[in-house]
Structures are given as C-alpha cells and as structure tokens.
Amino acid sequence: MKNAKVESLLERKMENPAYRARFERNYPAFVLEVQLLKALERKGWTFERLARALHTSKSNISRDLSAGGIRTASLPRLAKMAEALDMAFVPLLVSQKQERTILPKIQELAAL
C-alpha cells in the first residue's frame, strides 16, 4: 500500500515538465552513484576504506557519494574509484534518439 502512494506521488510529479526534465537529466548520475555504493557494499568497504585506497579523505568520498555529489566528481576521480572497487569506469556517448533503447540494454547486460 505504501509503494502505491510513492508511485502515485512520483507519477504526479512527473506530469510537471520541469520536474520531469530535471529528473531525467539527473537520473544517470543517480544510477552511477548507486553502482558505486553497491560495489562498496559487495567489497565490504566503508567510505573510509575507499578513501585510504584513493589516498584522500573520507569527507571527499562522502561528498562524492552522497546527495547527488557524484555530478561534480571528475572523470579521473570516478575512474580511480571504479578501479579501487575492481570495476571499470566506461564513459559512453549514445545518440539522444537511441538513448531510451540502448541504455536499458546496457544496464541489463551489466546486471545493475
């Protein structure tokens, strides 16, 4: 029952074109943040352990992996995080026309 309320709230918000545009613009960063957090969890690492591996502070990791902070992280920093977590960071450009069909397939292949 609770999920139905959340879904209907999201659905109502998505009817607002400005909200929908902001949501769609920020969604890829959210997905990346979740991927990194899941990789941390699989490895059994904390932000502090990742910070040690990257020779940086826990506050830098916390900034990057909390509340959308991933959007301000540099590509080299993201690549270093991925490498430390035994992952590969693969930036990818796709046609805007094909984005909605290609990205779900890639996510499925990557078992996100």
C-alpha atoms as a PDB file:
ATOM      1  CA  MET A   1       0.000   0.000   0.000  1.00  0.00           C
ATOM      2  CA  LYS A   2       2.831   2.349   0.890  1.00  0.00           C
ATOM      3  CA  ASN A   3       4.516   1.773  -2.503  1.00  0.00           C
ATOM      4  CA  ALA A   4       1.335   2.749  -4.325  1.00  0.00           C
ATOM      5  CA  LYS A   5       1.467   6.155  -2.631  1.00  0.00           C
ATOM      6  CA  VAL A   6       5.109   6.654  -3.558  1.00  0.00           C
ATOM      7  CA  GLU A   7       4.454   5.653  -7.151  1.00  0.00           C
ATOM      8  CA  SER A   8       1.461   7.911  -7.482  1.00  0.00           C
ATOM      9  CA  LEU A   9       3.403  10.812  -5.985  1.00  0.00           C
ATOM     10  CA  LEU A  10       6.225  10.253  -8.471  1.00  0.00           C
ATOM     11  CA  GLU A  11       3.753   9.896 -11.295  1.00  0.00           C
ATOM     12  CA  ARG A  12       2.090  13.166 -10.311  1.00  0.00           C
ATOM     13  CA  LYS A  13       5.430  14.949 -10.088  1.00  0.00           C
ATOM     14  CA  MET A  14       6.485  13.563 -13.457  1.00  0.00           C
ATOM     15  CA  GLU A  15       3.466  15.261 -15.038  1.00  0.00           C
ATOM     16  CA  ASN A  16       5.255  18.559 -14.409  1.00  0.00           C
ATOM     17  CA  PRO A  17       7.515  19.086 -17.468  1.00  0.00           C
ATOM     18  CA  ALA A  18      10.162  20.981 -15.464  1.00  0.00           C
ATOM     19  CA  TYR A  19      10.309  18.252 -12.800  1.00  0.00           C
ATOM     20  CA  ARG A  20      10.430  15.506 -15.457  1.00  0.00           C
ATOM     21  CA  ALA A  21      13.278  17.262 -17.300  1.00  0.00           C
ATOM     22  CA  ARG A  22      15.281  17.687 -14.064  1.00  0.00           C
ATOM     23  CA  PHE A  23      14.628  14.067 -13.081  1.00  0.00           C
ATOM     24  CA  GLU A  24      15.710  12.728 -16.468  1.00  0.00           C
ATOM     25  CA  ARG A  25      18.783  14.979 -16.544  1.00  0.00           C
ATOM     26  CA  ASN A  26      19.965  13.807 -13.093  1.00  0.00           C
ATOM     27  CA  TYR A  27      18.984  10.136 -13.339  1.00  0.00           C
ATOM     28  CA  PRO A  28      22.223   8.881 -14.962  1.00  0.00           C
ATOM     29  CA  ALA A  29      24.261  10.407 -12.114  1.00  0.00           C
ATOM     30  CA  PHE A  30      21.949   8.723  -9.599  1.00  0.00           C
ATOM     31  CA  VAL A  31      22.466   5.357 -11.333  1.00  0.00           C
ATOM     32  CA  LEU A  32      26.251   5.812 -11.251  1.00  0.00           C
ATOM     33  CA  GLU A  33      26.144   6.723  -7.560  1.00  0.00           C
ATOM     34  CA  VAL A  34      24.095   3.592  -6.811  1.00  0.00           C
ATOM     35  CA  GLN A  35      26.543   1.438  -8.805  1.00  0.00           C
ATOM     36  CA  LEU A  36      29.464   2.734  -6.764  1.00  0.00           C
ATOM     37  CA  LEU A  37      27.607   2.264  -3.488  1.00  0.00           C
ATOM     38  CA  LYS A  38      26.707  -1.318  -4.439  1.00  0.00           C
ATOM     39  CA  ALA A  39      30.332  -2.009  -5.377  1.00  0.00           C
ATOM     40  CA  LEU A  40      31.415  -0.699  -1.961  1.00  0.00           C
ATOM     41  CA  GLU A  41      28.883  -2.966  -0.299  1.00  0.00           C
ATOM     42  CA  ARG A  42      29.955  -6.038  -2.308  1.00  0.00           C
ATOM     43  CA  LYS A  43      33.567  -5.415  -1.358  1.00  0.00           C
ATOM     44  CA  GLY A  44      32.607  -4.826   2.286  1.00  0.00           C
ATOM     45  CA  TRP A  45      34.251  -1.407   2.255  1.00  0.00           C
ATOM     46  CA  THR A  46      33.314   1.786   4.026  1.00  0.00           C
ATOM     47  CA  PHE A  47      33.850   5.319   2.729  1.00  0.00           C
ATOM     48  CA  GLU A  48      36.904   5.419   4.967  1.00  0.00           C
ATOM     49  CA  ARG A  49      38.410   2.298   3.357  1.00  0.00           C
ATOM     50  CA  LEU A  50      37.789   3.671  -0.141  1.00  0.00           C
ATOM     51  CA  ALA A  51      39.361   6.973   0.906  1.00  0.00           C
ATOM     52  CA  ARG A  52      42.505   5.135   2.073  1.00  0.00           C
ATOM     53  CA  ALA A  53      42.706   3.277  -1.248  1.00  0.00           C
ATOM     54  CA  LEU A  54      42.459   6.582  -3.122  1.00  0.00           C
ATOM     55  CA  HIS A  55      44.803   8.467  -0.777  1.00  0.00           C
ATOM     56  CA  THR A  56      42.128  11.026   0.012  1.00  0.00           C
ATOM     57  CA  SER A  57      39.890  11.940   2.914  1.00  0.00           C
ATOM     58  CA  LYS A  58      36.664  10.256   3.952  1.00  0.00           C
ATOM     59  CA  SER A  59      34.907  13.625   3.606  1.00  0.00           C
ATOM     60  CA  ASN A  60      35.847  13.746  -0.099  1.00  0.00           C
ATOM     61  CA  ILE A  61      34.354  10.296  -0.659  1.00  0.00           C
ATOM     62  CA  SER A  62      31.273  11.211   1.351  1.00  0.00           C
ATOM     63  CA  ARG A  63      30.840  14.380  -0.723  1.00  0.00           C
ATOM     64  CA  ASP A  64      31.102  12.436  -3.965  1.00  0.00           C
ATOM     65  CA  LEU A  65      28.780   9.586  -2.988  1.00  0.00           C
ATOM     66  CA  SER A  66      26.057  11.450  -1.098  1.00  0.00           C
ATOM     67  CA  ALA A  67      23.102  13.537  -2.209  1.00  0.00           C
ATOM     68  CA  GLY A  68      23.997  13.741  -5.880  1.00  0.00           C
ATOM     69  CA  GLY A  69      27.593  14.782  -5.256  1.00  0.00           C
ATOM     70  CA  ILE A  70      28.677  12.376  -7.989  1.00  0.00           C
ATOM     71  CA  ARG A  71      27.679  15.032 -10.552  1.00  0.00           C
ATOM     72  CA  THR A  72      30.653  17.171  -9.503  1.00  0.00           C
ATOM     73  CA  ALA A  73      33.252  14.383  -9.363  1.00  0.00           C
ATOM     74  CA  SER A  74      35.827  14.466 -12.145  1.00  0.00           C
ATOM     75  CA  LEU A  75      36.091  11.664 -14.694  1.00  0.00           C
ATOM     76  CA  PRO A  76      39.585  10.692 -13.484  1.00  0.00           C
ATOM     77  CA  ARG A  77      38.271  10.556  -9.902  1.00  0.00           C
ATOM     78  CA  LEU A  78      35.379   8.319 -10.951  1.00  0.00           C
ATOM     79  CA  ALA A  79      37.800   6.064 -12.828  1.00  0.00           C
ATOM     80  CA  LYS A  80      40.023   5.785  -9.728  1.00  0.00           C
ATOM     81  CA  MET A  81      37.020   4.908  -7.549  1.00  0.00           C
ATOM     82  CA  ALA A  82      35.932   2.241 -10.013  1.00  0.00           C
ATOM     83  CA  GLU A  83      39.430   0.779 -10.231  1.00  0.00           C
ATOM     84  CA  ALA A  84      39.763   0.642  -6.443  1.00  0.00           C
ATOM     85  CA  LEU A  85      36.465  -1.255  -6.365  1.00  0.00           C
ATOM     86  CA  ASP A  86      37.627  -3.733  -9.029  1.00  0.00           C
ATOM     87  CA  MET A  87      35.362  -2.167 -11.620  1.00  0.00           C
ATOM     88  CA  ALA A  88      35.905  -0.355 -14.907  1.00  0.00           C
ATOM     89  CA  PHE A  89      34.533   3.129 -15.478  1.00  0.00           C
ATOM     90  CA  VAL A  90      33.277   3.218 -19.059  1.00  0.00           C
ATOM     91  CA  PRO A  91      32.016   6.638 -20.169  1.00  0.00           C
ATOM     92  CA  LEU A  92      29.765   6.226 -23.162  1.00  0.00           C
ATOM     93  CA  LEU A  93      28.194   8.602 -25.640  1.00  0.00           C
ATOM     94  CA  VAL A  94      25.000   7.485 -27.361  1.00  0.00           C
ATOM     95  CA  SER A  95      22.660   9.166 -29.779  1.00  0.00           C
ATOM     96  CA  GLN A  96      19.877  11.028 -27.990  1.00  0.00           C
ATOM     97  CA  LYS A  97      17.425   9.335 -30.338  1.00  0.00           C
ATOM     98  CA  GLN A  98      18.634   5.896 -29.213  1.00  0.00           C
ATOM     99  CA  GLU A  99      19.273   6.657 -25.551  1.00  0.00           C
ATOM    100  CA  ARG A 100      15.983   5.244 -24.276  1.00  0.00           C
ATOM    101  CA  THR A 101      16.520   1.928 -26.060  1.00  0.00           C
ATOM    102  CA  ILE A 102      20.279   1.492 -25.697  1.00  0.00           C
ATOM    103  CA  LEU A 103      20.819   2.352 -22.024  1.00  0.00           C
ATOM    104  CA  PRO A 104      18.336  -0.191 -20.594  1.00  0.00           C
ATOM    105  CA  LYS A 105      20.045  -2.908 -22.645  1.00  0.00           C
ATOM    106  CA  ILE A 106      23.472  -1.904 -21.368  1.00  0.00           C
ATOM    107  CA  GLN A 107      22.193  -1.811 -17.786  1.00  0.00           C
ATOM    108  CA  GLU A 108      20.696  -5.268 -18.202  1.00  0.00           C
ATOM    109  CA  LEU A 109      23.963  -6.637 -19.605  1.00  0.00           C
ATOM    110  CA  ALA A 110      25.889  -5.110 -16.717  1.00  0.00           C
ATOM    111  CA  ALA A 111      23.376  -6.640 -14.255  1.00  0.00           C
ATOM    112  CA  LEU A 112      22.696  -3.391 -12.485  1.00  0.00           C
END
